[in-house]
Amino acid sequence: MAAGKEIRGKIKSVENTKKITKAMEMVAASKMRKAQERMRSARPYASRIRNIAANLGEANPEYVHPFMKTHTAKAAGFIVVTTDKGLCGGMNTNVLRAVTNKLRELQGEGVSARAVAIGNKGFGFLNRIGAPVVSHATQLGDTPHIERLIGPVKVLLDAYARGEINAVYLCYTRFINTMKQEPVVEPLLPLSQERLQAEAKAEGAHGWDYLYEPDAQAVIDDLLVRYVEALVYQAVAENMASEQSARMVAMKAATDNAGNVIAELKLVYNKTRQAAITKELSEIVAGAAAV
């Protein structure tokens, strides 16, 4: 029964794995609800600051913020948002594949790239492909804090303001529902007037004029920086909600697969045991007949 003993060991091993994946599924389900609440609570702020930015840009056209200017530099910046941990299905793979396709497209146009990595998986990937990482933020935990995001992101924002790069792209996984998450590579800078106005109209906003204190330039400078930071924070919140949803689905699939493997191993074990019993009975009968 050496084969039977080996199969029993495999069954025990898969059962232990099933317990781990079931526990991870339950933890991910609990964290998923909190992450979704955090993501939804951040959406109204991002929506309102987007409307204010659009209205301010329309109300004071004589001043053009550096983020709204276009540059001719042959370089682009990427803010790549991924997870710190794995075991969340193909979520990171999908967004990194989209980043790779965009990098190849820009390289074909003769545009180099520099990146900011938010999350261990993206940081490791960018290092492996040789993309220059100017700053990074890892080990963010289950709750994103904007204070930890401002520093790394500001490196690219300052580079754009100086004209060293001609665009900044925000790459993350957008949360749609528990079963579906969508990789996104969207332009963050430059902030075109048409884009801001289109977003304001989509929200049903009205045009307003403002009284500025201390002056229009100081207000618009500060507001557009906050606007970009809000978009980055929202992207990280969406990515964390997507991470927990993808992990819960992946762990549920792993648990179900472990159950199927256990059932198959038990069937093989029973067949092996039955064959061994039949063989012993045949030997006993043959021995009795010989006597």
C-alpha atoms as a PDB file:
ATOM      1  CA  MET A   1       0.000   0.000   0.000  1.00  0.00           C
ATOM      2  CA  ALA A   2       2.919   2.332  -0.668  1.00  0.00           C
ATOM      3  CA  ALA A   3       0.911   3.966  -3.474  1.00  0.00           C
ATOM      4  CA  GLY A   4      -2.103   4.334  -1.179  1.00  0.00           C
ATOM      5  CA  LYS A   5       0.014   6.007   1.472  1.00  0.00           C
ATOM      6  CA  GLU A   6       1.397   8.443  -1.096  1.00  0.00           C
ATOM      7  CA  ILE A   7      -2.117   9.316  -2.288  1.00  0.00           C
ATOM      8  CA  ARG A   8      -3.273   9.866   1.306  1.00  0.00           C
ATOM      9  CA  GLY A   9      -0.370  12.287   1.750  1.00  0.00           C
ATOM     10  CA  LYS A  10      -1.408  14.194  -1.375  1.00  0.00           C
ATOM     11  CA  ILE A  11      -5.021  14.370  -0.168  1.00  0.00           C
ATOM     12  CA  LYS A  12      -3.893  15.763   3.186  1.00  0.00           C
ATOM     13  CA  SER A  13      -1.684  18.331   1.464  1.00  0.00           C
ATOM     14  CA  VAL A  14      -4.479  19.540  -0.841  1.00  0.00           C
ATOM     15  CA  GLU A  15      -6.901  19.710   2.107  1.00  0.00           C
ATOM     16  CA  ASN A  16      -4.460  21.982   3.962  1.00  0.00           C
ATOM     17  CA  THR A  17      -4.138  24.173   0.869  1.00  0.00           C
ATOM     18  CA  LYS A  18      -7.928  24.324   0.596  1.00  0.00           C
ATOM     19  CA  LYS A  19      -8.189  25.568   4.178  1.00  0.00           C
ATOM     20  CA  ILE A  20      -5.685  28.355   3.420  1.00  0.00           C
ATOM     21  CA  THR A  21      -7.407  29.475   0.214  1.00  0.00           C
ATOM     22  CA  LYS A  22     -10.818  29.431   1.932  1.00  0.00           C
ATOM     23  CA  ALA A  23      -9.492  31.613   4.747  1.00  0.00           C
ATOM     24  CA  MET A  24      -7.900  34.007   2.232  1.00  0.00           C
ATOM     25  CA  GLU A  25     -11.182  34.193   0.323  1.00  0.00           C
ATOM     26  CA  MET A  26     -13.063  35.210   3.478  1.00  0.00           C
ATOM     27  CA  VAL A  27     -10.422  37.818   4.405  1.00  0.00           C
ATOM     28  CA  ALA A  28     -10.500  39.267   0.870  1.00  0.00           C
ATOM     29  CA  ALA A  29     -14.314  39.453   0.965  1.00  0.00           C
ATOM     30  CA  SER A  30     -14.160  41.438   4.206  1.00  0.00           C
ATOM     31  CA  LYS A  31     -11.470  43.800   2.887  1.00  0.00           C
ATOM     32  CA  MET A  32     -13.296  44.147  -0.433  1.00  0.00           C
ATOM     33  CA  ARG A  33     -16.352  45.718   1.195  1.00  0.00           C
ATOM     34  CA  LYS A  34     -14.213  48.264   3.037  1.00  0.00           C
ATOM     35  CA  ALA A  35     -12.199  49.056  -0.098  1.00  0.00           C
ATOM     36  CA  GLN A  36     -15.360  49.574  -2.138  1.00  0.00           C
ATOM     37  CA  GLU A  37     -16.799  51.911   0.481  1.00  0.00           C
ATOM     38  CA  ARG A  38     -13.536  53.898   0.516  1.00  0.00           C
ATOM     39  CA  MET A  39     -13.500  54.096  -3.270  1.00  0.00           C
ATOM     40  CA  ARG A  40     -17.129  55.254  -3.488  1.00  0.00           C
ATOM     41  CA  SER A  41     -16.637  57.833  -0.748  1.00  0.00           C
ATOM     42  CA  ALA A  42     -13.722  59.351  -2.717  1.00  0.00           C
ATOM     43  CA  ARG A  43     -15.690  59.662  -5.958  1.00  0.00           C
ATOM     44  CA  PRO A  44     -17.817  62.721  -4.981  1.00  0.00           C
ATOM     45  CA  TYR A  45     -14.697  64.729  -4.049  1.00  0.00           C
ATOM     46  CA  ALA A  46     -12.991  63.839  -7.319  1.00  0.00           C
ATOM     47  CA  SER A  47     -16.151  64.751  -9.238  1.00  0.00           C
ATOM     48  CA  ARG A  48     -16.585  68.125  -7.540  1.00  0.00           C
ATOM     49  CA  ILE A  49     -12.956  69.188  -7.836  1.00  0.00           C
ATOM     50  CA  ARG A  50     -13.082  68.197 -11.529  1.00  0.00           C
ATOM     51  CA  ASN A  51     -16.062  70.531 -12.050  1.00  0.00           C
ATOM     52  CA  ILE A  52     -14.405  73.384 -10.166  1.00  0.00           C
ATOM     53  CA  ALA A  53     -11.201  72.964 -12.177  1.00  0.00           C
ATOM     54  CA  ALA A  54     -13.176  73.057 -15.429  1.00  0.00           C
ATOM     55  CA  ASN A  55     -15.142  76.153 -14.365  1.00  0.00           C
ATOM     56  CA  LEU A  56     -12.016  77.974 -13.184  1.00  0.00           C
ATOM     57  CA  GLY A  57     -10.186  77.220 -16.404  1.00  0.00           C
ATOM     58  CA  GLU A  58     -13.109  78.603 -18.394  1.00  0.00           C
ATOM     59  CA  ALA A  59     -13.631  81.641 -16.153  1.00  0.00           C
ATOM     60  CA  ASN A  60     -10.008  82.846 -16.292  1.00  0.00           C
ATOM     61  CA  PRO A  61      -8.698  82.120 -19.811  1.00  0.00           C
ATOM     62  CA  GLU A  62      -5.951  84.762 -19.719  1.00  0.00           C
ATOM     63  CA  TYR A  63      -3.849  82.652 -17.334  1.00  0.00           C
ATOM     64  CA  VAL A  64      -2.626  79.251 -18.541  1.00  0.00           C
ATOM     65  CA  HIS A  65      -1.383  76.877 -15.877  1.00  0.00           C
ATOM     66  CA  PRO A  66       1.787  74.831 -16.687  1.00  0.00           C
ATOM     67  CA  PHE A  67      -0.281  71.634 -16.551  1.00  0.00           C
ATOM     68  CA  MET A  68      -2.411  72.923 -19.445  1.00  0.00           C
ATOM     69  CA  LYS A  69       0.541  73.755 -21.701  1.00  0.00           C
ATOM     70  CA  THR A  70       1.825  71.310 -24.301  1.00  0.00           C
ATOM     71  CA  HIS A  71       5.519  70.484 -24.649  1.00  0.00           C
ATOM     72  CA  THR A  72       7.626  69.055 -27.454  1.00  0.00           C
ATOM     73  CA  ALA A  73      10.012  66.989 -25.305  1.00  0.00           C
ATOM     74  CA  LYS A  74      10.696  63.470 -26.569  1.00  0.00           C
ATOM     75  CA  ALA A  75       9.854  61.853 -23.239  1.00  0.00           C
ATOM     76  CA  ALA A  76       6.699  60.765 -21.421  1.00  0.00           C
ATOM     77  CA  GLY A  77       5.909  59.876 -17.821  1.00  0.00           C
ATOM     78  CA  PHE A  78       3.935  56.919 -16.481  1.00  0.00           C
ATOM     79  CA  ILE A  79       2.301  56.524 -13.071  1.00  0.00           C
ATOM     80  CA  VAL A  80       1.872  52.730 -12.780  1.00  0.00           C
ATOM     81  CA  VAL A  81      -0.492  51.602 -10.007  1.00  0.00           C
ATOM     82  CA  THR A  82      -0.338  47.904  -9.080  1.00  0.00           C
ATOM     83  CA  THR A  83      -0.644  45.784  -5.940  1.00  0.00           C
ATOM     84  CA  ASP A  84       1.961  45.025  -3.307  1.00  0.00           C
ATOM     85  CA  LYS A  85       0.926  41.365  -3.059  1.00  0.00           C
ATOM     86  CA  GLY A  86       0.032  38.666  -5.542  1.00  0.00           C
ATOM     87  CA  LEU A  87      -2.650  35.959  -5.594  1.00  0.00           C
ATOM     88  CA  CYS A  88      -5.166  38.245  -7.287  1.00  0.00           C
ATOM     89  CA  GLY A  89      -5.558  36.517 -10.636  1.00  0.00           C
ATOM     90  CA  GLY A  90      -4.501  38.266 -13.823  1.00  0.00           C
ATOM     91  CA  MET A  91      -5.190  41.788 -12.561  1.00  0.00           C
ATOM     92  CA  ASN A  92      -1.585  42.999 -12.459  1.00  0.00           C
ATOM     93  CA  THR A  93      -0.730  41.117 -15.642  1.00  0.00           C
ATOM     94  CA  ASN A  94      -3.500  42.881 -17.570  1.00  0.00           C
ATOM     95  CA  VAL A  95      -2.553  46.417 -16.534  1.00  0.00           C
ATOM     96  CA  LEU A  96       1.174  45.771 -17.049  1.00  0.00           C
ATOM     97  CA  ARG A  97       0.430  44.372 -20.506  1.00  0.00           C
ATOM     98  CA  ALA A  98      -1.436  47.600 -21.322  1.00  0.00           C
ATOM     99  CA  VAL A  99       1.545  49.624 -20.042  1.00  0.00           C
ATOM    100  CA  THR A 100       3.928  47.559 -22.177  1.00  0.00           C
ATOM    101  CA  ASN A 101       1.818  48.141 -25.297  1.00  0.00           C
ATOM    102  CA  LYS A 102       1.773  51.892 -24.656  1.00  0.00           C
ATOM    103  CA  LEU A 103       5.552  51.931 -24.089  1.00  0.00           C
ATOM    104  CA  ARG A 104       6.124  50.120 -27.389  1.00  0.00           C
ATOM    105  CA  GLU A 105       3.842  52.574 -29.164  1.00  0.00           C
ATOM    106  CA  LEU A 106       5.771  55.558 -27.793  1.00  0.00           C
ATOM    107  CA  GLN A 107       9.134  53.933 -28.530  1.00  0.00           C
ATOM    108  CA  GLY A 108       8.021  53.512 -32.124  1.00  0.00           C
ATOM    109  CA  GLU A 109       7.501  57.286 -32.215  1.00  0.00           C
ATOM    110  CA  GLY A 110      10.954  57.902 -30.738  1.00  0.00           C
ATOM    111  CA  VAL A 111       9.631  58.924 -27.304  1.00  0.00           C
ATOM    112  CA  SER A 112      11.443  57.686 -24.205  1.00  0.00           C
ATOM    113  CA  ALA A 113       9.700  56.983 -20.904  1.00  0.00           C
ATOM    114  CA  ARG A 114      10.201  57.465 -17.196  1.00  0.00           C
ATOM    115  CA  ALA A 115       7.942  55.959 -14.567  1.00  0.00           C
ATOM    116  CA  VAL A 116       6.632  56.251 -11.033  1.00  0.00           C
ATOM    117  CA  ALA A 117       5.743  52.872  -9.526  1.00  0.00           C
ATOM    118  CA  ILE A 118       2.990  52.584  -6.906  1.00  0.00           C
ATOM    119  CA  GLY A 119       3.002  48.995  -5.669  1.00  0.00           C
ATOM    120  CA  ASN A 120       5.642  46.261  -5.499  1.00  0.00           C
ATOM    121  CA  LYS A 121       4.459  44.325  -8.556  1.00  0.00           C
ATOM    122  CA  GLY A 122       4.729  47.292 -10.900  1.00  0.00           C
ATOM    123  CA  PHE A 123       8.053  48.352  -9.363  1.00  0.00           C
ATOM    124  CA  GLY A 124       9.565  44.919  -9.955  1.00  0.00           C
ATOM    125  CA  PHE A 125       8.183  44.726 -13.486  1.00  0.00           C
ATOM    126  CA  LEU A 126       9.519  48.138 -14.513  1.00  0.00           C
ATOM    127  CA  ASN A 127      12.958  47.230 -13.157  1.00  0.00           C
ATOM    128  CA  ARG A 128      12.945  43.954 -15.089  1.00  0.00           C
ATOM    129  CA  ILE A 129      12.143  45.599 -18.427  1.00  0.00           C
ATOM    130  CA  GLY A 130      14.736  48.326 -17.820  1.00  0.00           C
ATOM    131  CA  ALA A 131      12.330  51.276 -17.636  1.00  0.00           C
ATOM    132  CA  PRO A 132      13.812  54.184 -15.601  1.00  0.00           C
ATOM    133  CA  VAL A 133      11.887  54.456 -12.298  1.00  0.00           C
ATOM    134  CA  VAL A 134      12.318  57.982 -10.932  1.00  0.00           C
ATOM    135  CA  SER A 135      10.391  57.295  -7.703  1.00  0.00           C
ATOM    136  CA  HIS A 136       8.195  54.663  -6.132  1.00  0.00           C
ATOM    137  CA  ALA A 137       5.782  54.035  -3.262  1.00  0.00           C
ATOM    138  CA  THR A 138       5.292  50.520  -1.904  1.00  0.00           C
ATOM    139  CA  GLN A 139       3.738  48.815   1.127  1.00  0.00           C
ATOM    140  CA  LEU A 140       0.746  51.155   1.170  1.00  0.00           C
ATOM    141  CA  GLY A 141      -1.309  48.726   3.236  1.00  0.00           C
ATOM    142  CA  ASP A 142      -5.070  48.337   2.934  1.00  0.00           C
ATOM    143  CA  THR A 143      -5.787  52.064   3.236  1.00  0.00           C
ATOM    144  CA  PRO A 144      -4.225  54.565   0.788  1.00  0.00           C
ATOM    145  CA  HIS A 145      -2.904  57.784   2.298  1.00  0.00           C
ATOM    146  CA  ILE A 146      -2.532  60.720  -0.056  1.00  0.00           C
ATOM    147  CA  GLU A 147       0.476  61.974   1.925  1.00  0.00           C
ATOM    148  CA  ARG A 148       2.464  58.932   0.775  1.00  0.00           C
ATOM    149  CA  LEU A 149       1.402  59.417  -2.855  1.00  0.00           C
ATOM    150  CA  ILE A 150       2.117  63.129  -3.247  1.00  0.00           C
ATOM    151  CA  GLY A 151       5.917  62.844  -2.985  1.00  0.00           C
ATOM    152  CA  PRO A 152       6.528  60.208  -5.688  1.00  0.00           C
ATOM    153  CA  VAL A 153       3.939  61.696  -8.061  1.00  0.00           C
ATOM    154  CA  LYS A 154       5.311  65.228  -7.643  1.00  0.00           C
ATOM    155  CA  VAL A 155       8.544  64.156  -9.342  1.00  0.00           C
ATOM    156  CA  LEU A 156       6.693  63.687 -12.637  1.00  0.00           C
ATOM    157  CA  LEU A 157       4.472  66.739 -12.142  1.00  0.00           C
ATOM    158  CA  ASP A 158       7.523  68.970 -11.636  1.00  0.00           C
ATOM    159  CA  ALA A 159       9.238  67.403 -14.659  1.00  0.00           C
ATOM    160  CA  TYR A 160       6.179  68.199 -16.780  1.00  0.00           C
ATOM    161  CA  ALA A 161       6.013  71.773 -15.469  1.00  0.00           C
ATOM    162  CA  ARG A 162       9.685  72.225 -16.464  1.00  0.00           C
ATOM    163  CA  GLY A 163       8.962  70.892 -19.963  1.00  0.00           C
ATOM    164  CA  GLU A 164      11.139  67.779 -19.604  1.00  0.00           C
ATOM    165  CA  ILE A 165       8.281  65.433 -20.581  1.00  0.00           C
ATOM    166  CA  ASN A 166       5.407  65.989 -22.982  1.00  0.00           C
ATOM    167  CA  ALA A 167       2.721  63.853 -21.287  1.00  0.00           C
ATOM    168  CA  VAL A 168       1.923  61.915 -18.122  1.00  0.00           C
ATOM    169  CA  TYR A 169      -0.161  58.730 -18.256  1.00  0.00           C
ATOM    170  CA  LEU A 170      -2.021  57.193 -15.320  1.00  0.00           C
ATOM    171  CA  CYS A 171      -2.132  53.379 -15.435  1.00  0.00           C
ATOM    172  CA  TYR A 172      -4.352  51.438 -13.011  1.00  0.00           C
ATOM    173  CA  THR A 173      -7.195  48.908 -12.781  1.00  0.00           C
ATOM    174  CA  ARG A 174     -10.653  50.474 -12.727  1.00  0.00           C
ATOM    175  CA  PHE A 175     -13.256  48.782 -10.537  1.00  0.00           C
ATOM    176  CA  ILE A 176     -16.484  48.007 -12.416  1.00  0.00           C
ATOM    177  CA  ASN A 177     -18.033  45.281 -10.263  1.00  0.00           C
ATOM    178  CA  THR A 178     -16.953  42.320  -8.165  1.00  0.00           C
ATOM    179  CA  MET A 179     -16.474  40.084 -11.187  1.00  0.00           C
ATOM    180  CA  LYS A 180     -15.040  42.627 -13.612  1.00  0.00           C
ATOM    181  CA  GLN A 181     -12.061  44.981 -13.413  1.00  0.00           C
ATOM    182  CA  GLU A 182     -10.724  46.961 -16.366  1.00  0.00           C
ATOM    183  CA  PRO A 183      -7.070  47.964 -16.995  1.00  0.00           C
ATOM    184  CA  VAL A 184      -6.825  51.652 -17.868  1.00  0.00           C
ATOM    185  CA  VAL A 185      -4.020  53.766 -19.379  1.00  0.00           C
ATOM    186  CA  GLU A 186      -5.381  57.303 -19.509  1.00  0.00           C
ATOM    187  CA  PRO A 187      -3.647  60.658 -20.147  1.00  0.00           C
ATOM    188  CA  LEU A 188      -3.266  62.691 -16.962  1.00  0.00           C
ATOM    189  CA  LEU A 189      -1.287  65.655 -18.349  1.00  0.00           C
ATOM    190  CA  PRO A 190      -1.631  67.914 -20.232  1.00  0.00           C
ATOM    191  CA  LEU A 191      -5.029  69.019 -18.937  1.00  0.00           C
ATOM    192  CA  SER A 192      -6.711  70.245 -22.090  1.00  0.00           C
ATOM    193  CA  GLN A 193      -9.416  72.880 -21.817  1.00  0.00           C
ATOM    194  CA  GLU A 194     -11.694  70.743 -23.983  1.00  0.00           C
ATOM    195  CA  ARG A 195     -11.274  67.731 -21.706  1.00  0.00           C
ATOM    196  CA  LEU A 196     -12.071  69.693 -18.547  1.00  0.00           C
ATOM    197  CA  GLN A 197     -15.123  71.304 -20.132  1.00  0.00           C
ATOM    198  CA  ALA A 198     -16.355  67.967 -21.480  1.00  0.00           C
ATOM    199  CA  GLU A 199     -16.072  66.416 -18.010  1.00  0.00           C
ATOM    200  CA  ALA A 200     -17.935  69.361 -16.499  1.00  0.00           C
ATOM    201  CA  LYS A 201     -20.743  69.061 -19.071  1.00  0.00           C
ATOM    202  CA  ALA A 202     -20.953  65.314 -18.461  1.00  0.00           C
ATOM    203  CA  GLU A 203     -21.599  66.074 -14.802  1.00  0.00           C
ATOM    204  CA  GLY A 204     -24.289  68.610 -15.715  1.00  0.00           C
ATOM    205  CA  ALA A 205     -22.321  71.525 -14.265  1.00  0.00           C
ATOM    206  CA  HIS A 206     -23.017  75.201 -14.973  1.00  0.00           C
ATOM    207  CA  GLY A 207     -20.525  77.910 -15.807  1.00  0.00           C
ATOM    208  CA  TRP A 208     -19.510  80.151 -12.926  1.00  0.00           C
ATOM    209  CA  ASP A 209     -17.332  83.156 -12.386  1.00  0.00           C
ATOM    210  CA  TYR A 210     -15.281  83.540  -9.195  1.00  0.00           C
ATOM    211  CA  LEU A 211     -13.726  86.130  -6.945  1.00  0.00           C
ATOM    212  CA  TYR A 212     -10.112  85.126  -6.351  1.00  0.00           C
ATOM    213  CA  GLU A 213      -8.223  85.621  -3.112  1.00  0.00           C
ATOM    214  CA  PRO A 214      -5.301  86.341  -3.137  1.00  0.00           C
ATOM    215  CA  ASP A 215      -5.272  86.182  -6.963  1.00  0.00           C
ATOM    216  CA  ALA A 216      -6.373  83.950  -9.831  1.00  0.00           C
ATOM    217  CA  GLN A 217      -2.916  82.508 -10.502  1.00  0.00           C
ATOM    218  CA  ALA A 218      -2.359  81.354  -6.901  1.00  0.00           C
ATOM    219  CA  VAL A 219      -5.824  79.802  -6.700  1.00  0.00           C
ATOM    220  CA  ILE A 220      -5.624  77.991 -10.053  1.00  0.00           C
ATOM    221  CA  ASP A 221      -2.061  76.782  -9.369  1.00  0.00           C
ATOM    222  CA  ASP A 222      -3.097  75.202  -6.074  1.00  0.00           C
ATOM    223  CA  LEU A 223      -6.392  73.835  -7.372  1.00  0.00           C
ATOM    224  CA  LEU A 224      -4.982  72.060 -10.425  1.00  0.00           C
ATOM    225  CA  VAL A 225      -2.308  70.392  -8.294  1.00  0.00           C
ATOM    226  CA  ARG A 226      -5.056  69.185  -5.947  1.00  0.00           C
ATOM    227  CA  TYR A 227      -7.045  68.068  -8.974  1.00  0.00           C
ATOM    228  CA  VAL A 228      -4.217  65.867 -10.252  1.00  0.00           C
ATOM    229  CA  GLU A 229      -3.581  64.488  -6.756  1.00  0.00           C
ATOM    230  CA  ALA A 230      -7.287  63.647  -6.419  1.00  0.00           C
ATOM    231  CA  LEU A 231      -7.192  61.711  -9.695  1.00  0.00           C
ATOM    232  CA  VAL A 232      -4.145  59.737  -8.532  1.00  0.00           C
ATOM    233  CA  TYR A 233      -5.729  58.987  -5.143  1.00  0.00           C
ATOM    234  CA  GLN A 234      -8.947  57.872  -6.847  1.00  0.00           C
ATOM    235  CA  ALA A 235      -6.930  55.579  -9.134  1.00  0.00           C
ATOM    236  CA  VAL A 236      -5.188  53.981  -6.132  1.00  0.00           C
ATOM    237  CA  ALA A 237      -8.539  53.534  -4.334  1.00  0.00           C
ATOM    238  CA  GLU A 238     -10.052  51.935  -7.447  1.00  0.00           C
ATOM    239  CA  ASN A 239      -7.013  49.665  -7.780  1.00  0.00           C
ATOM    240  CA  MET A 240      -7.284  48.508  -4.146  1.00  0.00           C
ATOM    241  CA  ALA A 241     -10.987  47.706  -4.552  1.00  0.00           C
ATOM    242  CA  SER A 242     -10.172  45.791  -7.734  1.00  0.00           C
ATOM    243  CA  GLU A 243      -7.362  43.944  -5.936  1.00  0.00           C
ATOM    244  CA  GLN A 244      -9.577  42.610  -3.140  1.00  0.00           C
ATOM    245  CA  SER A 245     -12.332  41.639  -5.591  1.00  0.00           C
ATOM    246  CA  ALA A 246      -9.884  39.838  -7.874  1.00  0.00           C
ATOM    247  CA  ARG A 247      -8.261  38.091  -4.905  1.00  0.00           C
ATOM    248  CA  MET A 248     -11.609  36.921  -3.549  1.00  0.00           C
ATOM    249  CA  VAL A 249     -12.592  35.502  -6.946  1.00  0.00           C
ATOM    250  CA  ALA A 250      -9.167  33.872  -7.424  1.00  0.00           C
ATOM    251  CA  MET A 251      -9.210  32.275  -3.959  1.00  0.00           C
ATOM    252  CA  LYS A 252     -12.763  31.004  -4.484  1.00  0.00           C
ATOM    253  CA  ALA A 253     -11.659  29.411  -7.764  1.00  0.00           C
ATOM    254  CA  ALA A 254      -8.616  27.900  -5.997  1.00  0.00           C
ATOM    255  CA  THR A 255     -10.827  26.503  -3.218  1.00  0.00           C
ATOM    256  CA  ASP A 256     -13.218  24.954  -5.738  1.00  0.00           C
ATOM    257  CA  ASN A 257     -10.326  23.459  -7.713  1.00  0.00           C
ATOM    258  CA  ALA A 258      -8.848  22.016  -4.515  1.00  0.00           C
ATOM    259  CA  GLY A 259     -12.195  20.341  -3.797  1.00  0.00           C
ATOM    260  CA  ASN A 260     -12.202  18.812  -7.285  1.00  0.00           C
ATOM    261  CA  VAL A 261      -8.624  17.574  -6.888  1.00  0.00           C
ATOM    262  CA  ILE A 262      -9.463  16.008  -3.505  1.00  0.00           C
ATOM    263  CA  ALA A 263     -12.457  14.203  -5.037  1.00  0.00           C
ATOM    264  CA  GLU A 264     -10.303  12.855  -7.877  1.00  0.00           C
ATOM    265  CA  LEU A 265      -7.552  11.734  -5.490  1.00  0.00           C
ATOM    266  CA  LYS A 266     -10.062   9.977  -3.253  1.00  0.00           C
ATOM    267  CA  LEU A 267     -11.445   8.147  -6.284  1.00  0.00           C
ATOM    268  CA  VAL A 268      -7.926   7.064  -7.298  1.00  0.00           C
ATOM    269  CA  TYR A 269      -7.191   6.031  -3.694  1.00  0.00           C
ATOM    270  CA  ASN A 270     -10.356   3.929  -3.482  1.00  0.00           C
ATOM    271  CA  LYS A 271      -9.583   2.249  -6.800  1.00  0.00           C
ATOM    272  CA  THR A 272      -6.024   1.503  -5.674  1.00  0.00           C
ATOM    273  CA  ARG A 273      -7.255   0.135  -2.333  1.00  0.00           C
ATOM    274  CA  GLN A 274      -9.903  -1.999  -4.037  1.00  0.00           C
ATOM    275  CA  ALA A 275      -7.313  -3.386  -6.461  1.00  0.00           C
ATOM    276  CA  ALA A 276      -5.006  -4.271  -3.572  1.00  0.00           C
ATOM    277  CA  ILE A 277      -7.832  -6.046  -1.710  1.00  0.00           C
ATOM    278  CA  THR A 278      -8.852  -7.947  -4.836  1.00  0.00           C
ATOM    279  CA  LYS A 279      -5.250  -9.015  -5.402  1.00  0.00           C
ATOM    280  CA  GLU A 280      -4.938 -10.310  -1.805  1.00  0.00           C
ATOM    281  CA  LEU A 281      -8.201 -12.251  -2.104  1.00  0.00           C
ATOM    282  CA  SER A 282      -7.034 -13.761  -5.402  1.00  0.00           C
ATOM    283  CA  GLU A 283      -3.773 -14.897  -3.762  1.00  0.00           C
ATOM    284  CA  ILE A 284      -5.624 -16.429  -0.837  1.00  0.00           C
ATOM    285  CA  VAL A 285      -8.015 -18.300  -3.138  1.00  0.00           C
ATOM    286  CA  ALA A 286      -5.149 -19.484  -5.318  1.00  0.00           C
ATOM    287  CA  GLY A 287      -3.235 -20.675  -2.243  1.00  0.00           C
ATOM    288  CA  ALA A 288      -6.271 -22.551  -0.875  1.00  0.00           C
ATOM    289  CA  ALA A 289      -6.843 -24.232  -4.236  1.00  0.00           C
ATOM    290  CA  ALA A 290      -3.203 -25.346  -4.391  1.00  0.00           C
ATOM    291  CA  VAL A 291      -3.450 -26.949  -0.945  1.00  0.00           C
END
